[in-house]
C-alpha cells in the first residue's frame, strides 16, 4: 500500500473519527442518569482515563503489527482466526456501519434545523411503523458521496478529513471560549453543588417517563448503576479512535506514528469533551441539560450563549462535525474488510484495490450496508446494544498486550506501553466494572449485542468448512 498518510493526517483521522454527534447530545441522557454536574464531569473524566489508557496499550500492538486491519489483525494474531473474525463480523454488521448510519442521520437531523421543510415533508413511503423520510435519504446521500470520494484515492479522503477535522476543532474551541465569556449568569456553582455530597437521580412516573420535579438524593449501588448507564453515552462519544490502526498500511513510519496519533488524538479529544461539558454546566441549569428538546443539549446551551443565532451555529457545527467524522469512519473501516477478505473471511470481491489504489469494492459494500441501516431506523438501538460489546473487544485487545508479554517476552517491541502493567490494568479494571454494572442494572444494553456478535460463529464455521473443502479437493 502507498504510504500517503503522515503523522498529522493520522492525528486528524483519530480526532475526526471520534468527534461526531455524540458530544452535542449524550450529556442530556447522562444528566438524567446522574442528576448532578459533579458526577457528569466525573463520568467524562473516567471515560477519558479509560480511552487514553486503551490508546497507550494499543500502541504496543500497533508497533508489533504495523499493517492494515488494526484491531482485527491484533486479535487474529494473538488469539486466533475465530476471535479476529468475530470482531470483524461485529464491525461490519453494526459497530462501524451502525456508527456511520447514526452519524449520517445526525447530519440529516441537524440539517433540518436550517431547512425545516425536511422535517415537515411527508414520508416518501410508509407502511405501519416503517417509513422512509427525506432525512434518511439525505443521510444515505452523504454516505454514498463520501464513499465515492474515498474511492478516488487516499489523497482525496485525507484532504477532506484534514479540512473538516480542523474546522470542527476550531469551532469547538470557539464554542468553549464563548461559553465562558458571553454567558451573563453562570450556573456552574449551582450545577456542581447538586450531588457533590450525595447522588441525585430522577424519579419516574408510573409510565416510566422522567418527572421534571423530584430530583432526590440516593446513594450506594444506585450511584454505580447511574454511572454505568451514563457511561454508555460517554463511551459512544469516545470510540472509533482505533480507526487509525485500520489504515496502518498507508501511514508513513507506522511503528511510531500510529502510536503517537492515538495518544495525542485521544488525549486532545477527551480534554475538548470535558471542556464542552463545563460550557453546558456554565451556560444552563441542570433541568435544561437533562430535558433539552430531543436531547440537543448543545442547542440549548448555544441559545443561551449566542441568543437566537445559537441554533444555527450549532446546526452548522454538527453538520461539519458529522460530515468529517463519517469521512474518517468510511475511509478506515473498508481497510479492515479488505484485510479480512485477504484472509478468506469476507467477500472475495473486497480483496482487490481499484485503479486509485484503494479498496473500492470494500468501500461500496460498507456504504451499501450502512445505507440499509439508515433505512431500517434501527441503527440507534443497535449502537445502544453494542456499547457493551465494543468495550469487551477493547478489553480483550488490551489484555492481549499482557498476554503477549507473558507468552512471548523476547519479542522485539519497537514501542512499549507506558507504565506497563499499570496502564492496561487501569483499562481492564474500569472496563470490567462498567460491563458488570451494565449486566446488573441495564441488561438491555448487554445481551442483545452479545448475541449479535455470537451469531457470527455459524458464519465463521461455514466459511472455514468451505475453505477446508477447497483445500482437500
Protein backbone atom coordinates (compact mmCIF):
# COMPACT_ATOMS: atom_id res chain seq x y z
CA UNK A 1 0.00 0.00 0.00
CA UNK A 2 1.14 3.58 -0.65
CA UNK A 3 2.35 5.49 2.44
CA UNK A 4 0.38 8.68 1.83
CA UNK A 5 -0.66 9.48 5.43
CA UNK A 6 1.74 11.45 7.65
CA UNK A 7 1.58 11.86 11.45
CA UNK A 8 -0.64 14.95 11.22
CA UNK A 9 -3.04 13.11 8.91
CA UNK A 10 -3.19 10.21 11.36
CA UNK A 11 -3.93 12.55 14.30
CA UNK A 12 -6.69 14.24 12.26
CA UNK A 13 -8.14 10.79 11.49
CA UNK A 14 -8.20 9.88 15.20
CA UNK A 15 -9.80 13.16 16.28
CA UNK A 16 -12.14 13.37 13.30
CA UNK A 17 -13.41 9.81 13.79
CA UNK A 18 -14.05 10.41 17.50
CA UNK A 19 -15.83 13.78 17.30
CA UNK A 20 -19.20 13.17 15.66
CA UNK A 21 -22.64 13.99 17.02
CA UNK A 22 -22.36 12.39 20.48
CA UNK A 23 -20.78 15.28 22.38
CA UNK A 24 -23.66 17.55 21.31
CA UNK A 25 -26.38 15.16 22.51
CA UNK A 26 -25.40 12.48 25.05
CA UNK A 27 -24.90 14.78 28.05
CA UNK A 28 -28.69 15.17 28.35
CA UNK A 29 -29.27 11.45 28.96
CA UNK A 30 -26.15 11.32 31.15
CA UNK A 31 -27.56 14.08 33.34
CA UNK A 32 -30.88 12.22 33.62
CA UNK A 33 -28.97 9.21 34.93
CA UNK A 34 -26.69 11.23 37.24
CA UNK A 35 -28.63 14.33 38.28
CA UNK A 36 -25.53 16.37 39.05
CA UNK A 37 -22.89 18.39 37.25
CA UNK A 38 -20.29 17.00 39.64
CA UNK A 39 -21.00 13.39 38.63
CA UNK A 40 -21.34 14.36 34.96
CA UNK A 41 -17.75 15.62 34.90
CA UNK A 42 -16.56 12.62 36.95
CA UNK A 43 -18.02 10.23 34.34
CA UNK A 44 -16.34 12.13 31.49
CA UNK A 45 -13.01 12.03 33.37
CA UNK A 46 -13.37 8.26 33.95
CA UNK A 47 -14.14 7.78 30.25
CA UNK A 48 -11.14 9.93 29.35
CA UNK A 49 -8.80 7.86 31.54
CA UNK A 50 -10.22 4.67 30.01
CA UNK A 51 -9.83 5.90 26.45
CA UNK A 52 -6.28 7.20 26.79
CA UNK A 53 -5.19 4.07 28.74
CA UNK A 54 -6.55 1.90 25.90
CA UNK A 55 -4.82 4.03 23.25
CA UNK A 56 -1.48 3.78 25.11
CA UNK A 57 -1.88 -0.01 25.35
CA UNK A 58 -2.87 -0.35 21.68
CA UNK A 59 0.33 1.49 20.81
CA UNK A 60 2.42 -1.57 21.67
CA UNK A 61 0.31 -3.76 19.39
CA UNK A 62 0.31 -1.22 16.55
CA UNK A 63 4.13 -1.23 16.62
CA UNK A 64 4.23 -5.05 16.69
CA UNK A 65 1.73 -5.41 13.81
CA UNK A 66 2.14 -2.25 11.68
CA UNK A 67 -0.16 -3.32 8.85
CA UNK A 68 -3.71 -2.75 7.62
CA UNK A 69 -6.55 -4.24 9.64
CA UNK A 70 -5.61 -2.82 13.02
CA UNK A 71 -7.63 -4.26 15.89
CA UNK A 72 -8.85 -7.14 13.70
CA UNK A 73 -5.22 -8.06 12.93
CA UNK A 74 -4.17 -7.80 16.60
CA UNK A 75 -6.98 -10.11 17.77
CA UNK A 76 -6.33 -12.60 14.96
CA UNK A 77 -2.55 -12.70 15.55
CA UNK A 78 -2.84 -13.02 19.35
CA UNK A 79 -5.98 -15.12 19.88
CA UNK A 80 -6.56 -16.81 16.50
CA UNK A 81 -8.76 -16.50 13.43
CA UNK A 82 -12.05 -17.08 15.25
CA UNK A 83 -11.60 -14.10 17.59
CA UNK A 84 -10.47 -11.92 14.70
CA UNK A 85 -13.49 -12.92 12.64
CA UNK A 86 -15.99 -12.26 15.46
CA UNK A 87 -14.59 -8.74 15.83
CA UNK A 88 -14.68 -8.18 12.07
CA UNK A 89 -18.23 -9.57 11.90
CA UNK A 90 -19.36 -7.20 14.64
CA UNK A 91 -17.54 -4.33 12.94
CA UNK A 92 -19.27 -4.89 9.59
CA UNK A 93 -22.75 -5.76 10.86
CA UNK A 94 -23.10 -2.87 13.30
CA UNK A 95 -20.05 -1.33 15.05
CA UNK A 96 -18.59 0.56 12.06
CA UNK A 97 -21.61 0.60 9.74
CA UNK A 98 -24.09 1.37 12.55
CA UNK A 99 -21.93 4.29 13.65
CA UNK A 100 -21.72 5.54 10.05
CA UNK A 101 -25.53 5.34 9.80
CA UNK A 102 -26.10 7.09 13.15
CA UNK A 103 -23.66 9.90 12.34
CA UNK A 104 -25.19 10.38 8.88
CA UNK A 105 -28.68 10.56 10.42
CA UNK A 106 -27.41 13.18 12.90
CA UNK A 107 -26.17 15.19 9.91
CA UNK A 108 -29.65 14.95 8.38
CA UNK A 109 -31.48 15.88 11.56
CA UNK A 110 -29.35 18.97 12.21
CA UNK A 111 -29.60 19.97 8.54
CA UNK A 112 -33.37 20.05 9.15
CA UNK A 113 -32.77 22.92 11.59
CA UNK A 114 -31.59 25.03 8.67
CA UNK A 115 -34.15 23.63 6.22
CA UNK A 116 -37.35 22.94 8.22
CA UNK A 117 -39.04 21.59 5.07
CA UNK A 118 -37.03 18.39 5.62
CA UNK A 119 -38.85 17.83 8.93
CA UNK A 120 -42.23 18.98 7.68
CA UNK A 121 -42.27 16.91 4.49
CA UNK A 122 -44.49 13.84 4.40
CA UNK A 123 -42.68 10.46 4.40
CA UNK A 124 -41.70 9.21 0.94
CA UNK A 125 -43.02 5.78 1.93
CA UNK A 126 -44.84 4.48 4.99
CA UNK A 127 -46.18 1.07 5.93
CA UNK A 128 -47.20 0.77 9.58
CA UNK A 129 -44.28 1.80 11.79
CA UNK A 130 -41.77 1.59 8.93
CA UNK A 131 -41.24 4.75 6.94
CA UNK A 132 -38.68 6.38 4.68
CA UNK A 133 -38.17 10.11 5.19
CA UNK A 134 -36.23 12.78 3.31
CA UNK A 135 -33.80 12.97 6.26
CA UNK A 136 -32.98 9.28 5.75
CA UNK A 137 -32.47 9.90 2.03
CA UNK A 138 -30.11 12.80 2.84
CA UNK A 139 -28.18 10.59 5.27
CA UNK A 140 -27.80 7.89 2.60
CA UNK A 141 -26.72 10.51 0.04
CA UNK A 142 -23.96 11.69 2.41
CA UNK A 143 -22.75 8.11 2.97
CA UNK A 144 -22.66 7.40 -0.77
CA UNK A 145 -20.98 10.75 -1.56
CA UNK A 146 -18.23 10.18 1.00
CA UNK A 147 -17.81 6.58 -0.16
CA UNK A 148 -17.38 7.81 -3.74
CA UNK A 149 -14.84 10.48 -2.68
CA UNK A 150 -12.83 7.82 -0.84
CA UNK A 151 -12.83 5.53 -3.89
CA UNK A 152 -10.97 8.33 -5.70
CA UNK A 153 -7.85 7.67 -3.64
CA UNK A 154 -6.32 8.14 -0.19
CA UNK A 155 -5.31 11.71 -1.07
CA UNK A 156 -8.96 12.74 -1.61
CA UNK A 157 -10.07 11.26 1.72
CA UNK A 158 -7.07 12.72 3.54
CA UNK A 159 -7.62 16.29 2.32
CA UNK A 160 -11.32 16.14 3.20
CA UNK A 161 -10.52 14.71 6.66
CA UNK A 162 -7.95 17.39 7.49
CA UNK A 163 -10.22 20.26 6.37
CA UNK A 164 -13.31 19.11 8.27
CA UNK A 165 -11.49 17.95 11.41
CA UNK A 166 -9.52 21.19 11.59
CA UNK A 167 -12.73 23.19 11.12
CA UNK A 168 -14.63 21.44 13.90
CA UNK A 169 -11.71 21.68 16.36
CA UNK A 170 -11.51 25.45 15.77
CA UNK A 171 -15.32 25.72 16.08
CA UNK A 172 -15.34 23.72 19.34
CA UNK A 173 -12.59 25.92 20.78
CA UNK A 174 -14.66 28.97 19.81
CA UNK A 175 -17.75 27.48 21.50
CA UNK A 176 -15.74 26.77 24.66
CA UNK A 177 -14.37 30.34 24.80
CA UNK A 178 -17.79 31.90 24.11
CA UNK A 179 -19.39 29.61 26.72
CA UNK A 180 -17.45 31.37 29.46
CA UNK A 181 -17.08 34.88 28.01
CA UNK A 182 -20.60 35.55 26.72
CA UNK A 183 -22.71 33.87 29.44
CA UNK A 184 -24.18 36.58 31.68
CA UNK A 185 -25.24 34.34 34.59
CA UNK A 186 -23.12 31.26 35.35
CA UNK A 187 -24.84 28.06 36.55
CA UNK A 188 -21.55 26.27 37.29
CA UNK A 189 -21.59 26.54 41.10
CA UNK A 190 -25.28 25.62 41.25
CA UNK A 191 -24.81 22.58 38.99
CA UNK A 192 -21.76 21.38 40.91
CA UNK A 193 -23.38 21.78 44.32
CA UNK A 194 -26.10 19.34 43.29
CA UNK A 195 -24.88 15.91 44.18
CA UNK A 196 -21.45 16.88 45.49
CA UNK A 197 -22.22 15.29 48.84
CA UNK A 198 -24.97 12.94 47.68
CA UNK A 199 -26.05 11.30 44.45
CA UNK A 200 -29.14 12.69 42.74
CA UNK A 201 -31.42 10.82 40.39
CA UNK A 202 -34.74 11.43 38.67
CA UNK A 203 -37.98 9.94 39.91
CA UNK A 204 -40.12 8.32 37.23
CA UNK A 205 -43.88 8.33 36.97
CA UNK A 206 -45.93 5.16 36.51
CA UNK A 207 -45.43 5.24 32.70
CA UNK A 208 -41.66 5.24 33.13
CA UNK A 209 -41.28 8.86 31.95
CA UNK A 210 -38.96 11.17 33.84
CA UNK A 211 -40.57 13.83 36.02
CA UNK A 212 -39.08 17.31 35.88
CA UNK A 213 -39.64 17.77 39.58
CA UNK A 214 -38.37 15.47 42.25
CA UNK A 215 -34.64 15.01 41.94
CA UNK A 216 -33.99 13.11 45.13
CA UNK A 217 -30.71 12.17 46.87
CA UNK A 218 -29.99 8.46 46.79
CA UNK A 219 -26.77 6.55 47.06
CA UNK A 220 -24.97 3.25 47.30
CA UNK A 221 -25.18 0.86 44.37
CA UNK A 222 -27.76 3.07 42.64
CA UNK A 223 -24.94 5.54 42.08
CA UNK A 224 -22.95 2.77 40.38
CA UNK A 225 -25.91 1.92 38.15
CA UNK A 226 -26.32 5.58 37.22
CA UNK A 227 -22.64 5.91 36.37
CA UNK A 228 -22.71 2.75 34.23
CA UNK A 229 -25.83 3.92 32.35
CA UNK A 230 -24.33 7.38 31.86
CA UNK A 231 -21.09 5.89 30.55
CA UNK A 232 -22.96 4.31 27.64
CA UNK A 233 -23.26 7.86 26.26
CA UNK A 234 -19.72 8.98 27.02
CA UNK A 235 -18.21 5.73 25.72
CA UNK A 236 -20.26 6.01 22.49
CA UNK A 237 -18.85 9.53 22.01
CA UNK A 238 -15.29 8.35 22.63
CA UNK A 239 -14.95 5.30 20.38
CA UNK A 240 -13.58 4.98 16.82
CA UNK A 241 -10.12 6.32 17.73
CA UNK A 242 -8.80 2.85 16.81
CA UNK A 243 -9.83 3.56 13.19
CA UNK A 244 -6.30 4.85 12.62
CA UNK A 245 -4.98 1.32 13.19
CA UNK A 246 -7.14 0.10 10.29
CA UNK A 247 -5.06 2.16 7.84
CA UNK A 248 -1.62 1.39 9.32
CA UNK A 249 -0.52 0.05 5.93
CA UNK A 250 -0.92 3.55 4.42
CA UNK A 251 0.71 5.55 7.24
CA UNK A 252 4.32 6.72 6.94
CA UNK A 253 6.52 5.06 9.61
CA UNK A 254 3.54 3.25 11.23
CA UNK A 255 5.60 1.77 14.09
CA UNK A 256 5.97 5.28 15.54
CA UNK A 257 3.24 7.41 14.00
CA UNK A 258 0.21 5.20 14.78
CA UNK A 259 1.18 5.18 18.48
CA UNK A 260 1.66 8.94 18.57
CA UNK A 261 -1.57 9.61 16.67
CA UNK A 262 -3.66 7.51 19.05
CA UNK A 263 -2.19 9.02 22.23
CA UNK A 264 -2.13 12.66 21.06
CA UNK A 265 -5.53 12.40 19.35
CA UNK A 266 -7.44 10.71 22.18
CA UNK A 267 -5.93 13.00 24.84
CA UNK A 268 -6.84 16.14 22.89
CA UNK A 269 -10.42 14.98 22.22
CA UNK A 270 -11.11 14.00 25.84
CA UNK A 271 -9.84 17.41 27.04
CA UNK A 272 -12.16 19.07 24.49
CA UNK A 273 -15.10 16.91 25.64
CA UNK A 274 -14.61 17.78 29.31
CA UNK A 275 -14.30 21.49 28.43
CA UNK A 276 -17.51 21.38 26.34
CA UNK A 277 -19.38 19.83 29.27
CA UNK A 278 -18.11 22.63 31.51
CA UNK A 279 -19.67 25.02 28.97
CA UNK A 280 -23.03 23.22 29.25
CA UNK A 281 -22.86 23.40 33.05
CA UNK A 282 -21.89 27.07 32.92
CA UNK A 283 -24.50 28.15 30.36
CA UNK A 284 -27.67 26.37 31.53
CA UNK A 285 -29.12 24.78 34.67
CA UNK A 286 -29.46 21.09 35.41
CA UNK A 287 -33.04 20.67 34.19
CA UNK A 288 -32.25 22.47 30.93
CA UNK A 289 -29.44 19.95 30.31
CA UNK A 290 -31.48 16.89 31.32
CA UNK A 291 -34.62 17.91 29.45
CA UNK A 292 -33.15 19.61 26.39
CA UNK A 293 -35.51 19.22 23.42
CA UNK A 294 -34.66 15.98 21.60
CA UNK A 295 -31.59 15.74 23.89
CA UNK A 296 -29.90 18.53 21.90
CA UNK A 297 -28.16 20.00 24.92
CA UNK A 298 -25.65 21.86 22.72
CA UNK A 299 -28.50 23.77 21.08
CA UNK A 300 -29.98 24.71 24.48
CA UNK A 301 -26.59 25.93 25.73
CA UNK A 302 -25.79 27.75 22.50
CA UNK A 303 -29.11 29.63 22.57
CA UNK A 304 -28.16 30.96 26.00
CA UNK A 305 -24.70 31.93 24.73
CA UNK A 306 -25.47 33.37 21.27
CA UNK A 307 -29.20 34.09 21.51
CA UNK A 308 -31.46 33.17 18.59
CA UNK A 309 -28.43 32.56 16.33
CA UNK A 310 -27.33 29.72 18.66
CA UNK A 311 -29.47 27.11 16.91
CA UNK A 312 -27.97 27.90 13.50
CA UNK A 313 -24.42 27.98 14.91
CA UNK A 314 -24.75 24.54 16.50
CA UNK A 315 -26.54 23.11 13.47
CA UNK A 316 -23.64 24.19 11.24
CA UNK A 317 -21.08 22.89 13.74
CA UNK A 318 -22.77 19.48 13.96
CA UNK A 319 -23.05 19.29 10.17
CA UNK A 320 -19.32 19.96 9.79
CA UNK A 321 -18.53 17.58 12.66
CA UNK A 322 -20.63 14.67 11.43
CA UNK A 323 -19.52 15.08 7.80
CA UNK A 324 -15.84 14.91 8.81
CA UNK A 325 -16.48 12.10 11.29
CA UNK A 326 -18.16 9.92 8.69
CA UNK A 327 -15.36 10.52 6.21
CA UNK A 328 -12.87 9.11 8.72
CA UNK A 329 -15.07 6.12 9.57
CA UNK A 330 -15.68 5.30 5.90
CA UNK A 331 -12.02 5.72 4.93
CA UNK A 332 -10.79 3.44 7.72
CA UNK A 333 -13.46 0.73 8.01
CA UNK A 334 -13.11 -0.59 4.46
CA UNK A 335 -9.44 -1.44 5.10
CA UNK A 336 -10.48 -3.99 7.74
CA UNK A 337 -12.93 -5.71 5.42
CA UNK A 338 -10.29 -5.86 2.69
CA UNK A 339 -7.81 -7.44 5.13
CA UNK A 340 -10.47 -9.97 6.22
CA UNK A 341 -11.13 -10.82 2.56
CA UNK A 342 -7.41 -11.47 2.03
CA UNK A 343 -7.60 -13.90 4.98
CA UNK A 344 -10.57 -15.66 3.37
CA UNK A 345 -13.04 -14.35 5.94
CA UNK A 346 -15.03 -11.81 3.89
CA UNK A 347 -16.39 -11.49 0.34
CA UNK A 348 -13.63 -12.24 -2.21
CA UNK A 349 -14.56 -9.15 -4.22
CA UNK A 350 -13.30 -6.98 -1.34
CA UNK A 351 -9.68 -8.16 -1.83
CA UNK A 352 -8.68 -6.01 -4.79
CA UNK A 353 -7.73 -2.34 -4.89
CA UNK A 354 -9.22 -0.21 -7.65
CA UNK A 355 -7.21 1.86 -10.14
CA UNK A 356 -6.75 4.55 -7.43
CA UNK A 357 -5.01 2.03 -5.14
CA UNK A 358 -7.84 1.92 -2.56
CA UNK A 359 -10.28 -0.94 -1.68
CA UNK A 360 -13.14 0.30 -3.86
CA UNK A 361 -15.35 -2.81 -3.55
CA UNK A 362 -14.93 -2.94 0.24
CA UNK A 363 -15.85 0.75 0.43
CA UNK A 364 -19.07 0.21 -1.57
CA UNK A 365 -20.05 -2.90 0.46
CA UNK A 366 -19.64 -0.90 3.66
CA UNK A 367 -21.56 2.06 2.21
CA UNK A 368 -24.49 -0.01 0.97
CA UNK A 369 -24.92 -1.84 4.29
CA UNK A 370 -24.70 1.42 6.29
CA UNK A 371 -27.35 2.89 3.95
CA UNK A 372 -29.65 -0.08 4.60
CA UNK A 373 -29.21 0.50 8.35
CA UNK A 374 -30.30 4.12 7.79
CA UNK A 375 -33.47 2.86 6.11
CA UNK A 376 -34.12 0.32 8.88
CA UNK A 377 -34.21 3.05 11.53
CA UNK A 378 -32.65 0.59 13.98
CA UNK A 379 -29.08 1.96 13.99
CA UNK A 380 -29.64 3.80 17.32
CA UNK A 381 -30.95 0.69 19.07
CA UNK A 382 -28.12 -1.38 17.60
CA UNK A 383 -25.49 1.05 18.89
CA UNK A 384 -27.02 1.07 22.38
CA UNK A 385 -26.88 -2.72 22.40
CA UNK A 386 -23.35 -2.90 21.03
CA UNK A 387 -21.66 -0.47 23.51
CA UNK A 388 -21.11 -3.39 25.88
CA UNK A 389 -19.54 -5.47 23.10
CA UNK A 390 -17.29 -2.61 21.91
CA UNK A 391 -15.82 -2.32 25.42
CA UNK A 392 -15.47 -6.12 25.63
CA UNK A 393 -13.41 -6.16 22.42
CA UNK A 394 -11.32 -3.25 23.70
CA UNK A 395 -10.69 -5.22 26.90
CA UNK A 396 -9.72 -8.40 25.03
CA UNK A 397 -7.31 -6.39 22.86
CA UNK A 398 -5.76 -4.58 25.85
CA UNK A 399 -5.45 -7.94 27.63
CA UNK A 400 -3.56 -9.10 24.52
CA UNK A 401 -0.71 -6.75 25.49
CA UNK A 402 -0.29 -8.57 28.83
CA UNK A 403 -0.83 -11.99 27.21
CA UNK A 404 1.94 -11.41 24.66
CA UNK A 405 4.33 -10.10 27.33
CA UNK A 406 3.88 -13.39 29.21
CA UNK A 407 3.81 -15.74 26.20
CA UNK A 408 6.48 -14.04 24.09
CA UNK A 409 8.62 -11.91 26.41
CA UNK A 410 11.55 -11.83 23.95
CA UNK A 411 9.51 -10.42 21.07
CA UNK A 412 11.09 -7.23 19.73
CA UNK A 413 8.81 -4.35 20.75
CA UNK A 414 9.53 -1.06 18.91
CA UNK A 415 7.22 0.70 21.40
CA UNK A 416 6.40 -0.45 24.91
CA UNK A 417 3.25 0.56 26.80
CA UNK A 418 3.90 3.42 29.20
CA UNK A 419 3.77 2.41 32.87
CA UNK A 420 3.19 -1.25 31.99
CA UNK A 421 1.40 -3.15 33.54
CA UNK A 422 -0.42 -0.31 35.35
CA UNK A 423 -1.87 1.28 32.18
CA UNK A 424 -3.55 -1.84 30.71
CA UNK A 425 -4.72 -2.90 34.19
CA UNK A 426 -6.40 0.53 34.67
CA UNK A 427 -8.37 -0.02 31.47
CA UNK A 428 -9.25 -3.63 32.32
CA UNK A 429 -10.47 -2.69 35.82
CA UNK A 430 -12.63 0.25 34.67
CA UNK A 431 -13.93 -1.71 31.67
CA UNK A 432 -14.79 -4.73 33.85
CA UNK A 433 -16.68 -2.59 36.38
CA UNK A 434 -18.57 -0.87 33.53
CA UNK A 435 -19.58 -4.19 31.94
CA UNK A 436 -20.55 -5.84 35.26
CA UNK A 437 -22.69 -2.85 36.28
CA UNK A 438 -24.42 -2.87 32.89
CA UNK A 439 -25.14 -6.59 33.32
CA UNK A 440 -26.70 -5.83 36.72
CA UNK A 441 -28.58 -2.61 36.02
CA UNK A 442 -29.01 -2.15 32.25
CA UNK A 443 -29.27 -5.58 30.68
CA UNK A 444 -30.93 -4.17 27.56
CA UNK A 445 -27.51 -2.70 26.71
CA UNK A 446 -25.70 -6.03 27.06
CA UNK A 447 -27.07 -9.38 25.91
CA UNK A 448 -28.64 -8.29 22.55
CA UNK A 449 -25.27 -7.02 21.30
CA UNK A 450 -23.50 -10.08 22.66
CA UNK A 451 -25.97 -12.36 20.85
CA UNK A 452 -25.47 -10.33 17.66
CA UNK A 453 -21.72 -10.98 17.75
CA UNK A 454 -22.19 -14.69 18.62
CA UNK A 455 -24.37 -15.04 15.50
CA UNK A 456 -21.08 -14.69 13.67
CA UNK A 457 -19.97 -18.13 14.93
CA UNK A 458 -22.05 -20.21 12.49
CA UNK A 459 -20.91 -17.88 9.68
CA UNK A 460 -17.29 -18.45 10.73
CA UNK A 461 -17.68 -22.24 10.75
CA UNK A 462 -19.47 -22.15 7.39
CA UNK A 463 -16.63 -20.10 5.83
CA UNK A 464 -13.95 -22.39 7.25
CA UNK A 465 -15.87 -25.52 6.21
CA UNK A 466 -15.82 -24.24 2.63
CA UNK A 467 -12.11 -23.49 2.88
CA UNK A 468 -11.32 -26.96 4.20
CA UNK A 469 -13.38 -28.47 1.40
CA UNK A 470 -11.41 -26.45 -1.15
CA UNK A 471 -8.08 -27.47 0.38
CA UNK A 472 -8.96 -31.19 0.46
CA UNK A 473 -10.07 -31.16 -3.15
